[in-house]
Amino acid sequence: MQQRDRLLWQVARSTGGWTSLFLGAAMLDAAASLAMPVVLAAAIDAALGGDSTGPALVWLVSLLAVSTLAQLTAELVEATTAARATGRLRHRALGHLFALDLGGQRRFAEGDLLNRLLQGTAETAKVGPSMAGAVVALLTSIAGIVALLLIDPLAGLVFLLGAPVVWRLARGFLGSSTELTERYQTAYSGLAARFVDAMSGVRTIRASGTADREARRVLVPLRDLRRYGEALWNAQRDVGWKLAVLVAVLQVSVLATAGHGVIAGRVSPGELIALNTYLGYAFGVFRQVGTLAHLGRARGSAAGISEVLHTPAPAGATGPPLPAGMGAVSLRGVRVSDRDRALLDGVDLDIPAGATVAVVGGSGAGKSTLAAVVGGLWQPDAGAVTIDGMSLWQADQRSVRDAVAHAFERPVLLGGTVADAVAYGDRPVTPDALRGALRDSRAESFVERLPLGQATPVAGLRLSGGELQRLGLARALCRDARILVLDDTTSSLDTVTEREVSLAMDRAARHRTRLVVTHRAATVRRADLVVWVEDNGIRATGSHETLAADPDYRALFQQPQGDAAEYIPLVAEPRTMEQA
């Protein structure tokens, strides 16, 4: 069984109770519908024979009421089942996604993930009602065929002549619709990913006057999207008209045979009416194109969800907690790759407990990857990472989160208010710790100027890049973590503010181990150890003064790094200039 089919089975089982209720309501509706032709035939024959039709009419009205109630119940349960299955599947997919390290998450573009988690889960979650509906339709059709054979065996045999053709058409359509749905979802994901990228850079696009060019870039997958969508509808159209022709031919043939039976005396007028009704039920097996299309879309969508769910997540969440310590970190033979491209290779590094370590290097050298590995955000493909003597990936991950706090270059504020965003985490933060973190990150002054201070809602809040970075620093500082990983967290601050923040952090985190990714010479000079990253490895370690003897090292601080718009001061810049 393929992964997508296994997932469909799991989704169907997860809603077993609701699916069973839907199946029961649908079966009750089918049973009432199958009984109505018999009652109707009895009423007609009774009327033609001069007998009383009262009992038959009572039964007919009762069956109509039961069928109507069953249909209403089935529709309500179907919607509820799909909604519950969608919620469960999205919760499962998101839970696994957040359990992945950065390497696993980077396999999927943001727009692609949105498509899989929204549209893909909704389609996949319909599999329970779709399968139950298909089973009921099949059983109803079989019952209709049996009724045809019982009323007039010859008419039933004529009907069965079309069964092999129907089976071949249905099997071919299910396979083609599954494949086309997978291709359609891939093209749609590409379109969504490009759109998300464009929206994240909307200011740059506007400033550059490249809206038309960007629109053309975003719409590149539209041609494939249209082609696969049209192919799917064309496939449904082709099988639909073929089945329609087959149904028309069979209907004429069966009714002609049954009509001859009336003339010959083997079929009564009431039985002819019943046979015509049962013929409609028997044709239900030919009208399952829509159901097959639903199943095909569900299988195609399940393939995308399965890919997310089967992306390996790091182990170690249930291991022993990290031992007590001051935050000594060691890396041995660390190798990290992304889509067969090496990001780090052969990295050996020892970070003493309580030391401040600056990580420098050119754009794309691997600085942020090194920070992610040290902080436990990215599990290396090879090598070992230890904190206070214990393997980071064999320890209980909750204890790792307690031991390591992160601050990023572009922090995202999560939570209802500013206070919620700074205190965001899996453990509560005391008001005193929150105020101290805002003070040490030099965010207290501008937070107090907000309309509601710390209670100001995050939604719609406009902050500068430097203000956001200071809130990100506060979020890391308000936890009693033994290790702070700061990934270019002061790049948007001016020189004076950066120095104030650095000095405040020196006081607040003087006993913590700090790994600081930076481009600023002033920050590097204050570090106890400098790690120079180049070509996905460590070129050298030492003090800033020692490494400054190398002209390649000095060049790092004489030119802009990456996309940073700020000025990077020269390595020889005197302290008086920094304080100016």
Protein backbone atom coordinates (compact mmCIF):
# COMPACT_ATOMS: atom_id res chain seq x y z
CA MET A 1 0.00 0.00 0.00
CA GLN A 2 1.38 3.40 -0.99
CA GLN A 3 1.87 6.14 1.60
CA ARG A 4 -1.01 8.22 0.22
CA ASP A 5 -3.44 5.29 0.37
CA ARG A 6 -2.26 4.44 3.89
CA LEU A 7 -2.96 8.04 4.93
CA LEU A 8 -6.43 7.91 3.36
CA TRP A 9 -7.18 4.77 5.34
CA GLN A 10 -5.95 6.41 8.55
CA VAL A 11 -8.13 9.48 7.92
CA ALA A 12 -11.16 7.29 7.25
CA ARG A 13 -10.53 5.33 10.46
CA SER A 14 -10.05 8.49 12.52
CA THR A 15 -13.65 9.50 11.81
CA GLY A 16 -14.97 5.97 12.19
CA GLY A 17 -17.93 6.89 14.41
CA TRP A 18 -19.12 9.76 12.23
CA THR A 19 -18.44 7.84 9.03
CA SER A 20 -20.42 4.90 10.41
CA LEU A 21 -23.30 7.25 11.23
CA PHE A 22 -23.16 8.67 7.70
CA LEU A 23 -23.02 5.16 6.29
CA GLY A 24 -26.01 4.13 8.39
CA ALA A 25 -28.08 7.14 7.30
CA ALA A 26 -27.14 6.60 3.66
CA MET A 27 -27.98 2.89 3.90
CA LEU A 28 -31.35 3.70 5.48
CA ASP A 29 -32.09 6.11 2.64
CA ALA A 30 -31.05 3.48 0.11
CA ALA A 31 -33.18 0.80 1.76
CA ALA A 32 -36.23 3.07 1.79
CA SER A 33 -35.64 4.00 -1.83
CA LEU A 34 -35.27 0.35 -2.84
CA ALA A 35 -38.51 -0.57 -1.07
CA MET A 36 -40.57 2.19 -2.71
CA PRO A 37 -40.80 0.58 -6.19
CA VAL A 38 -42.19 -2.63 -4.65
CA VAL A 39 -44.86 -0.69 -2.75
CA LEU A 40 -45.62 1.44 -5.82
CA ALA A 41 -45.96 -1.66 -7.99
CA ALA A 42 -48.31 -3.21 -5.44
CA ALA A 43 -50.42 -0.04 -5.40
CA ILE A 44 -50.64 0.05 -9.20
CA ASP A 45 -51.54 -3.63 -9.51
CA ALA A 46 -54.12 -3.22 -6.71
CA ALA A 47 -55.68 -0.24 -8.48
CA LEU A 48 -55.79 -2.06 -11.82
CA GLY A 49 -57.28 -5.13 -10.11
CA GLY A 50 -59.91 -3.14 -8.23
CA ASP A 51 -58.43 -3.83 -4.77
CA SER A 52 -57.83 -1.32 -1.94
CA THR A 53 -54.70 0.85 -2.32
CA GLY A 54 -54.80 2.29 1.22
CA PRO A 55 -52.17 0.08 2.89
CA ALA A 56 -49.77 0.53 -0.03
CA LEU A 57 -50.15 4.31 0.04
CA VAL A 58 -49.50 4.40 3.80
CA TRP A 59 -46.33 2.41 3.28
CA LEU A 60 -45.33 4.68 0.39
CA VAL A 61 -45.73 7.87 2.46
CA SER A 62 -43.85 6.32 5.37
CA LEU A 63 -40.96 5.31 3.13
CA LEU A 64 -40.82 8.82 1.65
CA ALA A 65 -40.63 10.32 5.15
CA VAL A 66 -37.88 7.91 6.22
CA SER A 67 -35.90 8.58 3.04
CA THR A 68 -36.15 12.37 3.49
CA LEU A 69 -35.08 12.22 7.14
CA ALA A 70 -32.18 9.90 6.28
CA GLN A 71 -30.99 12.23 3.50
CA LEU A 72 -31.02 15.25 5.82
CA THR A 73 -29.10 13.30 8.47
CA ALA A 74 -26.55 12.06 5.93
CA GLU A 75 -25.87 15.58 4.62
CA LEU A 76 -25.42 17.00 8.12
CA VAL A 77 -23.17 14.14 9.22
CA GLU A 78 -21.14 14.34 5.99
CA ALA A 79 -20.33 18.02 6.59
CA THR A 80 -19.49 17.36 10.25
CA THR A 81 -17.29 14.37 9.37
CA ALA A 82 -15.33 16.32 6.76
CA ALA A 83 -14.83 19.27 9.13
CA ARG A 84 -13.61 17.08 12.00
CA ALA A 85 -11.31 15.07 9.75
CA THR A 86 -9.88 18.27 8.26
CA GLY A 87 -9.17 19.68 11.72
CA ARG A 88 -7.48 16.48 12.90
CA LEU A 89 -5.37 16.17 9.77
CA ARG A 90 -4.26 19.81 9.89
CA HIS A 91 -3.40 19.48 13.58
CA ARG A 92 -1.37 16.35 12.85
CA ALA A 93 0.42 17.91 9.87
CA LEU A 94 1.21 21.15 11.74
CA GLY A 95 2.39 19.22 14.78
CA HIS A 96 4.80 17.21 12.66
CA LEU A 97 5.91 20.32 10.79
CA PHE A 98 6.83 22.09 14.02
CA ALA A 99 8.66 18.96 15.19
CA LEU A 100 10.96 19.17 12.15
CA ASP A 101 14.28 20.92 12.36
CA LEU A 102 15.14 23.72 9.94
CA GLY A 103 16.50 21.22 7.43
CA GLY A 104 13.18 19.41 7.27
CA GLN A 105 11.14 22.61 7.12
CA ARG A 106 13.25 24.05 4.30
CA ARG A 107 12.21 21.20 2.02
CA PHE A 108 8.91 22.98 1.45
CA ALA A 109 8.27 26.52 0.24
CA GLU A 110 5.84 28.60 2.31
CA GLY A 111 3.24 28.82 -0.45
CA ASP A 112 3.54 25.09 -1.12
CA LEU A 113 2.96 24.32 2.57
CA LEU A 114 -0.06 26.63 2.70
CA ASN A 115 -1.60 24.81 -0.24
CA ARG A 116 -0.95 21.39 1.28
CA LEU A 117 -2.19 22.36 4.74
CA LEU A 118 -5.32 24.16 3.52
CA GLN A 119 -6.57 22.80 0.23
CA GLY A 120 -4.78 19.45 0.43
CA THR A 121 -6.10 18.55 3.88
CA ALA A 122 -9.63 19.61 2.96
CA GLU A 123 -9.65 17.32 -0.08
CA THR A 124 -8.03 14.43 1.79
CA ALA A 125 -10.48 14.70 4.70
CA LYS A 126 -13.43 14.00 2.40
CA VAL A 127 -12.28 10.44 1.83
CA GLY A 128 -14.46 8.93 4.59
CA PRO A 129 -17.83 10.21 3.33
CA SER A 130 -16.71 9.72 -0.29
CA MET A 131 -15.80 6.08 0.29
CA ALA A 132 -18.95 5.46 2.32
CA GLY A 133 -21.05 7.13 -0.38
CA ALA A 134 -19.36 5.04 -3.05
CA VAL A 135 -20.05 1.85 -1.06
CA VAL A 136 -23.73 2.76 -0.60
CA ALA A 137 -24.07 3.67 -4.28
CA LEU A 138 -22.44 0.40 -5.29
CA LEU A 139 -24.65 -1.66 -2.97
CA THR A 140 -27.73 0.22 -4.18
CA SER A 141 -26.76 -0.46 -7.77
CA ILE A 142 -26.18 -4.14 -7.02
CA ALA A 143 -29.57 -4.31 -5.31
CA GLY A 144 -31.14 -2.66 -8.34
CA ILE A 145 -29.50 -5.19 -10.65
CA VAL A 146 -30.69 -8.07 -8.45
CA ALA A 147 -34.21 -6.62 -8.56
CA LEU A 148 -34.02 -6.45 -12.37
CA LEU A 149 -33.00 -10.10 -12.50
CA LEU A 150 -35.81 -11.10 -10.15
CA ILE A 151 -38.49 -9.16 -12.05
CA ASP A 152 -37.29 -10.11 -15.54
CA PRO A 153 -34.08 -12.19 -15.82
CA LEU A 154 -33.77 -11.46 -19.53
CA ALA A 155 -33.85 -7.68 -18.97
CA GLY A 156 -31.30 -8.07 -16.18
CA LEU A 157 -28.92 -9.98 -18.45
CA VAL A 158 -29.18 -7.25 -21.09
CA PHE A 159 -28.19 -4.71 -18.45
CA LEU A 160 -25.17 -6.77 -17.35
CA LEU A 161 -23.71 -6.62 -20.85
CA GLY A 162 -22.50 -3.08 -20.12
CA ALA A 163 -20.72 -3.91 -16.82
CA PRO A 164 -17.25 -4.72 -18.28
CA VAL A 165 -17.21 -1.45 -20.23
CA VAL A 166 -18.15 0.53 -17.12
CA TRP A 167 -15.41 -1.13 -15.04
CA ARG A 168 -12.75 -0.31 -17.63
CA LEU A 169 -13.85 3.32 -17.93
CA ALA A 170 -14.02 3.80 -14.15
CA ARG A 171 -10.61 2.25 -13.50
CA GLY A 172 -8.93 4.35 -16.18
CA PHE A 173 -10.56 7.56 -14.95
CA LEU A 174 -9.55 6.99 -11.31
CA GLY A 175 -5.90 6.51 -12.29
CA SER A 176 -5.79 9.53 -14.62
CA SER A 177 -7.62 11.82 -12.17
CA THR A 178 -5.19 10.89 -9.37
CA GLU A 179 -2.15 11.66 -11.52
CA LEU A 180 -3.61 14.91 -12.86
CA THR A 181 -4.56 16.04 -9.35
CA GLU A 182 -0.97 15.51 -8.16
CA ARG A 183 0.35 17.58 -11.07
CA TYR A 184 -2.30 20.25 -10.53
CA GLN A 185 -1.42 20.50 -6.83
CA THR A 186 2.28 20.79 -7.68
CA ALA A 187 1.62 23.63 -10.11
CA TYR A 188 -0.72 25.33 -7.65
CA SER A 189 1.90 25.07 -4.90
CA GLY A 190 4.46 26.68 -7.19
CA LEU A 191 2.09 29.55 -7.92
CA ALA A 192 1.33 30.01 -4.21
CA ALA A 193 5.02 29.95 -3.29
CA ARG A 194 5.84 32.64 -5.85
CA PHE A 195 2.93 34.77 -4.67
CA VAL A 196 4.05 34.55 -1.03
CA ASP A 197 7.58 35.52 -2.07
CA ALA A 198 6.24 38.52 -3.98
CA MET A 199 4.09 39.67 -1.06
CA SER A 200 7.06 39.48 1.31
CA GLY A 201 9.01 41.78 -1.00
CA VAL A 202 6.18 44.11 -2.02
CA ARG A 203 8.03 47.27 -0.92
CA THR A 204 11.09 46.36 -2.98
CA ILE A 205 8.89 45.61 -6.00
CA ARG A 206 7.12 48.95 -5.66
CA ALA A 207 10.35 50.87 -5.17
CA SER A 208 11.95 49.16 -8.17
CA GLY A 209 8.95 49.63 -10.45
CA THR A 210 8.99 45.94 -11.37
CA ALA A 211 5.36 45.05 -10.64
CA ASP A 212 4.64 43.90 -14.20
CA ARG A 213 7.79 41.79 -14.38
CA GLU A 214 7.06 40.28 -10.96
CA ALA A 215 3.48 39.51 -11.99
CA ARG A 216 4.81 37.62 -15.01
CA ARG A 217 7.21 35.70 -12.78
CA VAL A 218 4.48 34.77 -10.31
CA LEU A 219 2.15 33.61 -13.10
CA VAL A 220 4.68 31.32 -14.79
CA PRO A 221 3.08 28.17 -13.25
CA LEU A 222 -0.37 29.34 -14.40
CA ARG A 223 0.07 27.73 -17.81
CA ASP A 224 0.70 24.31 -16.25
CA LEU A 225 -2.09 24.92 -13.74
CA ARG A 226 -4.54 25.59 -16.54
CA ARG A 227 -3.31 22.66 -18.61
CA TYR A 228 -3.69 20.13 -15.80
CA GLY A 229 -7.01 21.61 -14.68
CA GLU A 230 -8.41 21.42 -18.21
CA ALA A 231 -7.04 17.91 -18.60
CA LEU A 232 -8.82 16.84 -15.41
CA TRP A 233 -12.12 18.33 -16.53
CA ASN A 234 -11.67 16.89 -20.03
CA ALA A 235 -11.06 13.45 -18.55
CA GLN A 236 -14.23 13.79 -16.49
CA ARG A 237 -16.12 15.04 -19.55
CA ASP A 238 -14.89 12.18 -21.75
CA VAL A 239 -15.81 9.45 -19.31
CA GLY A 240 -19.09 11.25 -18.61
CA TRP A 241 -20.32 11.34 -22.19
CA LYS A 242 -19.20 7.76 -22.83
CA LEU A 243 -21.16 6.59 -19.81
CA ALA A 244 -24.14 8.74 -20.87
CA VAL A 245 -24.23 7.06 -24.29
CA LEU A 246 -23.87 3.64 -22.69
CA VAL A 247 -26.68 4.41 -20.23
CA ALA A 248 -29.00 5.55 -23.02
CA VAL A 249 -28.35 2.44 -25.12
CA LEU A 250 -28.78 0.10 -22.16
CA GLN A 251 -31.92 1.89 -20.95
CA VAL A 252 -33.63 1.54 -24.31
CA SER A 253 -32.53 -2.09 -24.58
CA VAL A 254 -33.66 -3.05 -21.06
CA LEU A 255 -37.03 -1.28 -21.32
CA ALA A 256 -37.65 -2.78 -24.74
CA THR A 257 -36.93 -6.23 -23.36
CA ALA A 258 -39.19 -5.61 -20.34
CA GLY A 259 -41.92 -4.19 -22.61
CA HIS A 260 -41.82 -7.35 -24.65
CA GLY A 261 -42.19 -9.21 -21.35
CA VAL A 262 -45.41 -7.29 -20.61
CA ILE A 263 -46.78 -8.28 -24.01
CA ALA A 264 -45.69 -11.88 -23.45
CA GLY A 265 -47.31 -11.91 -19.99
CA ARG A 266 -44.20 -12.61 -17.92
CA VAL A 267 -44.12 -9.04 -16.48
CA SER A 268 -47.13 -7.22 -14.97
CA PRO A 269 -47.75 -3.47 -15.52
CA GLY A 270 -46.85 -2.75 -11.89
CA GLU A 271 -43.65 -4.78 -12.23
CA LEU A 272 -42.76 -2.78 -15.35
CA ILE A 273 -43.04 0.44 -13.33
CA ALA A 274 -40.91 -1.10 -10.57
CA LEU A 275 -38.38 -2.37 -13.12
CA ASN A 276 -38.04 1.11 -14.58
CA THR A 277 -37.34 2.51 -11.10
CA TYR A 278 -34.86 -0.23 -10.26
CA LEU A 279 -33.19 0.39 -13.59
CA GLY A 280 -32.46 3.92 -12.40
CA TYR A 281 -30.87 2.54 -9.23
CA ALA A 282 -28.86 0.03 -11.25
CA PHE A 283 -27.57 2.86 -13.42
CA GLY A 284 -26.17 4.45 -10.26
CA VAL A 285 -22.96 2.50 -10.78
CA PHE A 286 -22.56 4.34 -14.09
CA ARG A 287 -23.04 7.72 -12.44
CA GLN A 288 -20.11 7.49 -10.04
CA VAL A 289 -17.88 9.77 -12.12
CA GLY A 290 -18.22 12.53 -9.51
CA THR A 291 -17.40 10.11 -6.69
CA LEU A 292 -14.39 8.80 -8.60
CA ALA A 293 -13.26 12.38 -9.20
CA HIS A 294 -13.51 13.07 -5.44
CA LEU A 295 -11.48 9.96 -4.67
CA GLY A 296 -8.91 10.88 -7.30
CA ARG A 297 -8.51 14.38 -5.87
CA ALA A 298 -8.29 12.92 -2.36
CA ARG A 299 -5.54 10.51 -3.42
CA GLY A 300 -3.61 13.26 -5.18
CA SER A 301 -3.89 15.60 -2.19
CA ALA A 302 -2.97 12.80 0.23
CA ALA A 303 0.30 12.34 -1.63
CA GLY A 304 1.34 15.91 -0.75
CA ILE A 305 0.28 15.57 2.90
CA SER A 306 2.08 12.22 3.18
CA GLU A 307 5.30 13.83 1.98
CA VAL A 308 5.13 16.28 4.88
CA LEU A 309 4.19 13.62 7.43
CA HIS A 310 6.97 11.27 6.31
CA THR A 311 9.72 13.88 6.44
CA PRO A 312 11.95 12.56 9.24
CA ALA A 313 11.77 14.54 12.49
CA PRO A 314 14.65 14.61 14.99
CA ALA A 315 14.50 12.06 17.76
CA GLY A 316 15.35 12.64 21.41
CA ALA A 317 12.20 14.35 22.68
CA THR A 318 11.79 11.66 25.35
CA GLY A 319 15.44 11.36 26.42
CA PRO A 320 16.90 12.39 29.77
CA PRO A 321 17.16 16.11 30.56
CA LEU A 322 20.37 18.04 30.07
CA PRO A 323 22.68 17.88 33.09
CA ALA A 324 23.25 20.95 35.22
CA GLY A 325 26.00 23.17 33.89
CA MET A 326 27.13 26.61 32.80
CA GLY A 327 26.60 26.18 29.05
CA ALA A 328 29.74 24.60 27.60
CA VAL A 329 29.14 23.64 23.96
CA SER A 330 31.16 21.27 21.81
CA LEU A 331 30.85 20.38 18.10
CA ARG A 332 32.73 17.44 16.56
CA GLY A 333 32.74 16.57 12.87
CA VAL A 334 29.50 18.41 12.18
CA ARG A 335 28.18 18.24 8.63
CA VAL A 336 24.93 19.89 7.49
CA SER A 337 23.51 19.73 3.98
CA ASP A 338 20.42 21.06 2.27
CA ARG A 339 19.26 19.32 -0.92
CA ASP A 340 22.69 17.73 -1.38
CA ARG A 341 24.41 21.11 -0.96
CA ALA A 342 26.85 21.34 1.94
CA LEU A 343 26.13 24.17 4.37
CA LEU A 344 28.66 23.07 6.99
CA ASP A 345 31.27 20.37 6.65
CA GLY A 346 33.79 19.02 9.14
CA VAL A 347 33.16 21.61 11.85
CA ASP A 348 34.94 21.16 15.19
CA LEU A 349 34.39 23.83 17.82
CA ASP A 350 34.61 24.20 21.60
CA ILE A 351 32.74 27.06 23.29
CA PRO A 352 33.72 27.53 26.94
CA ALA A 353 30.96 27.98 29.48
CA GLY A 354 30.09 31.64 30.05
CA ALA A 355 32.10 32.84 27.03
CA THR A 356 30.93 35.34 24.45
CA VAL A 357 31.70 33.96 20.99
CA ALA A 358 31.36 36.09 17.85
CA VAL A 359 30.73 34.29 14.55
CA VAL A 360 31.84 36.20 11.46
CA GLY A 361 32.14 35.43 7.78
CA GLY A 362 30.98 36.40 4.34
CA SER A 363 27.43 36.08 3.08
CA GLY A 364 26.45 32.44 2.66
CA ALA A 365 29.48 31.15 4.54
CA GLY A 366 27.33 29.19 7.02
CA LYS A 367 27.14 31.51 10.04
CA SER A 368 23.39 31.22 10.62
CA THR A 369 23.53 27.48 10.01
CA LEU A 370 26.22 27.17 12.69
CA ALA A 371 24.05 29.18 15.10
CA ALA A 372 21.04 26.96 14.32
CA VAL A 373 23.10 23.81 14.98
CA VAL A 374 24.42 25.13 18.30
CA GLY A 375 20.91 26.14 19.38
CA GLY A 376 19.31 22.83 18.45
CA LEU A 377 17.22 24.18 15.57
CA TRP A 378 18.99 22.09 12.94
CA GLN A 379 20.07 18.49 13.46
CA PRO A 380 23.35 17.84 11.61
CA ASP A 381 23.57 15.03 9.08
CA ALA A 382 26.75 13.84 10.76
CA GLY A 383 28.78 14.69 13.83
CA ALA A 384 27.94 15.44 17.44
CA VAL A 385 26.75 18.51 19.35
CA THR A 386 26.96 18.44 23.14
CA ILE A 387 25.85 20.86 25.86
CA ASP A 388 27.63 20.42 29.17
CA GLY A 389 28.82 17.00 28.08
CA MET A 390 25.49 15.55 26.86
CA SER A 391 24.40 15.09 23.25
CA LEU A 392 21.91 17.80 22.39
CA TRP A 393 19.82 15.46 20.21
CA GLN A 394 19.64 12.68 22.79
CA ALA A 395 18.37 14.98 25.52
CA ASP A 396 14.79 15.82 26.33
CA GLN A 397 13.97 18.68 23.97
CA ARG A 398 12.03 20.57 26.64
CA SER A 399 15.22 20.78 28.70
CA VAL A 400 17.06 21.97 25.58
CA ARG A 401 14.50 24.77 25.12
CA ASP A 402 15.03 25.71 28.76
CA ALA A 403 18.81 25.78 28.28
CA VAL A 404 18.95 27.68 24.97
CA ALA A 405 17.28 30.98 24.07
CA HIS A 406 17.29 32.42 20.55
CA ALA A 407 17.02 35.89 19.07
CA PHE A 408 16.80 36.39 15.32
CA GLU A 409 17.52 39.11 12.81
CA ARG A 410 13.84 39.45 11.84
CA PRO A 411 11.79 38.43 14.88
CA VAL A 412 8.08 37.73 14.50
CA LEU A 413 5.80 38.89 17.31
CA LEU A 414 3.48 36.07 18.36
CA GLY A 415 0.71 36.63 20.88
CA GLY A 416 -2.07 39.10 21.54
CA THR A 417 -0.10 41.94 23.15
CA VAL A 418 3.48 43.18 23.33
CA ALA A 419 3.84 41.53 26.74
CA ASP A 420 2.53 38.25 25.32
CA ALA A 421 4.98 38.47 22.42
CA VAL A 422 8.00 39.04 24.67
CA ALA A 423 6.93 36.33 27.14
CA TYR A 424 6.03 33.90 24.34
CA GLY A 425 7.16 30.36 25.13
CA ASP A 426 6.20 27.05 26.69
CA ARG A 427 6.87 28.27 30.25
CA PRO A 428 5.39 31.33 32.01
CA VAL A 429 7.52 34.44 32.52
CA THR A 430 7.23 36.54 35.68
CA PRO A 431 6.39 40.26 35.38
CA ASP A 432 9.75 41.15 36.98
CA ALA A 433 11.65 39.05 34.42
CA LEU A 434 9.64 40.68 31.62
CA ARG A 435 10.40 44.21 32.82
CA GLY A 436 14.08 43.36 33.31
CA ALA A 437 14.35 41.93 29.80
CA LEU A 438 12.74 45.03 28.27
CA ARG A 439 15.13 47.21 30.25
CA ASP A 440 18.26 45.24 29.33
CA SER A 441 17.33 45.17 25.64
CA ARG A 442 16.71 48.94 25.71
CA ALA A 443 13.11 48.33 24.61
CA GLU A 444 11.47 49.64 27.78
CA SER A 445 11.41 53.28 26.72
CA PHE A 446 9.62 52.85 23.39
CA VAL A 447 7.25 50.20 24.81
CA GLU A 448 6.15 52.68 27.49
CA ARG A 449 5.37 55.20 24.74
CA LEU A 450 2.98 52.80 23.02
CA PRO A 451 -0.75 53.58 23.48
CA LEU A 452 -1.28 50.82 26.06
CA GLY A 453 2.33 50.09 26.95
CA GLN A 454 2.96 46.37 27.35
CA ALA A 455 -0.78 45.74 26.83
CA THR A 456 -0.71 47.23 23.32
CA PRO A 457 -2.14 44.71 20.81
CA VAL A 458 0.40 43.31 18.36
CA ALA A 459 -2.10 43.26 15.49
CA GLY A 460 -1.57 46.35 13.36
CA LEU A 461 1.40 47.52 15.45
CA ARG A 462 4.01 49.28 13.33
CA LEU A 463 7.57 49.12 14.62
CA SER A 464 10.94 49.87 13.10
CA GLY A 465 13.42 47.10 12.40
CA GLY A 466 15.50 48.13 15.38
CA GLU A 467 12.49 48.13 17.71
CA LEU A 468 11.51 44.66 16.54
CA GLN A 469 15.05 43.40 17.13
CA ARG A 470 15.07 44.80 20.66
CA LEU A 471 11.81 43.01 21.43
CA GLY A 472 13.35 39.84 20.03
CA LEU A 473 16.33 40.30 22.34
CA ALA A 474 13.98 40.88 25.27
CA ARG A 475 12.20 37.63 24.46
CA ALA A 476 15.52 35.77 24.71
CA LEU A 477 16.69 37.61 27.85
CA CYS A 478 13.55 37.07 29.92
CA ARG A 479 14.34 33.37 30.19
CA ASP A 480 16.96 32.00 32.51
CA ALA A 481 18.74 30.14 29.70
CA ARG A 482 22.37 29.16 30.10
CA ILE A 483 23.05 29.72 26.38
CA LEU A 484 22.00 32.68 24.23
CA VAL A 485 22.14 32.32 20.44
CA LEU A 486 21.92 35.76 18.83
CA ASP A 487 21.77 35.64 15.04
CA ASP A 488 22.56 39.12 13.72
CA THR A 489 20.12 40.57 16.23
CA THR A 490 21.48 44.13 16.24
CA SER A 491 21.92 44.67 12.50
CA SER A 492 19.07 47.22 12.38
CA LEU A 493 20.31 49.25 15.37
CA ASP A 494 22.39 52.38 15.03
CA THR A 495 25.90 52.28 16.46
CA VAL A 496 25.04 54.12 19.68
CA THR A 497 21.97 52.02 20.47
CA GLU A 498 23.84 48.84 19.59
CA ARG A 499 26.58 49.71 22.05
CA GLU A 500 24.04 50.51 24.79
CA VAL A 501 22.28 47.18 24.19
CA SER A 502 25.58 45.27 24.13
CA LEU A 503 26.79 46.80 27.39
CA ALA A 504 23.43 46.12 29.05
CA MET A 505 23.56 42.53 27.87
CA ASP A 506 27.13 42.19 29.14
CA ARG A 507 25.78 43.00 32.58
CA ALA A 508 22.54 41.01 32.36
CA ALA A 509 24.04 37.90 30.75
CA ARG A 510 27.58 37.96 32.09
CA HIS A 511 27.33 34.36 33.35
CA ARG A 512 25.65 33.02 30.21
CA THR A 513 27.29 31.52 27.15
CA ARG A 514 26.62 33.72 24.14
CA LEU A 515 27.00 32.87 20.46
CA VAL A 516 26.65 36.08 18.46
CA VAL A 517 26.45 36.13 14.66
CA THR A 518 27.49 39.64 13.68
CA HIS A 519 28.98 41.90 11.04
CA ARG A 520 29.95 44.67 13.45
CA ALA A 521 33.59 45.14 14.36
CA ALA A 522 32.64 46.70 17.71
CA THR A 523 30.73 43.57 18.71
CA VAL A 524 33.57 41.34 17.58
CA ARG A 525 36.14 43.26 19.62
CA ARG A 526 34.16 42.69 22.81
CA ALA A 527 33.96 38.91 22.26
CA ASP A 528 36.08 36.43 24.19
CA LEU A 529 36.47 34.28 21.08
CA VAL A 530 35.95 34.89 17.36
CA VAL A 531 34.94 32.07 15.01
CA TRP A 532 35.70 32.86 11.36
CA VAL A 533 33.43 30.85 9.04
CA GLU A 534 34.37 30.48 5.39
CA ASP A 535 33.39 28.04 2.64
CA ASN A 536 31.05 26.10 4.96
CA GLY A 537 33.72 25.43 7.53
CA ILE A 538 35.74 27.15 10.23
CA ARG A 539 38.76 28.87 8.76
CA ALA A 540 40.17 30.12 12.06
CA THR A 541 39.36 30.89 15.69
CA GLY A 542 41.01 33.29 18.09
CA SER A 543 40.84 36.81 19.39
CA HIS A 544 39.87 39.68 17.15
CA GLU A 545 43.34 41.21 17.43
CA THR A 546 45.02 37.97 16.38
CA LEU A 547 42.75 37.33 13.40
CA ALA A 548 43.00 40.96 12.25
CA ALA A 549 46.52 40.22 11.02
CA ASP A 550 44.93 38.38 8.08
CA PRO A 551 43.87 40.76 5.26
CA ASP A 552 40.98 38.45 4.29
CA TYR A 553 39.61 38.77 7.81
CA ARG A 554 39.95 42.55 7.75
CA ALA A 555 38.10 42.63 4.45
CA LEU A 556 35.00 41.23 6.15
CA PHE A 557 34.53 44.56 7.92
CA GLN A 558 35.32 46.80 4.96
CA GLN A 559 32.37 45.91 2.72
CA PRO A 560 28.62 45.33 3.11
CA GLN A 561 27.62 41.78 3.96
CA GLY A 562 24.68 40.15 2.18
CA ASP A 563 21.70 42.44 1.85
CA ALA A 564 22.51 44.60 4.87
CA ALA A 565 21.96 48.25 4.13
CA GLU A 566 23.93 49.52 7.12
CA TYR A 567 27.53 50.65 7.07
CA ILE A 568 30.00 48.07 8.43
CA PRO A 569 32.75 49.90 10.34
CA LEU A 570 36.40 49.22 9.56
CA VAL A 571 38.30 46.92 11.85
CA ALA A 572 40.71 49.73 12.67
CA GLU A 573 37.94 52.13 13.67
CA PRO A 574 38.80 53.70 17.05
CA ARG A 575 36.44 53.37 20.00
CA THR A 576 35.92 57.15 20.11
CA MET A 577 34.16 56.91 16.76
CA GLU A 578 31.85 54.16 18.04
CA GLN A 579 30.87 56.31 21.00
CA ALA A 580 30.20 59.37 18.89
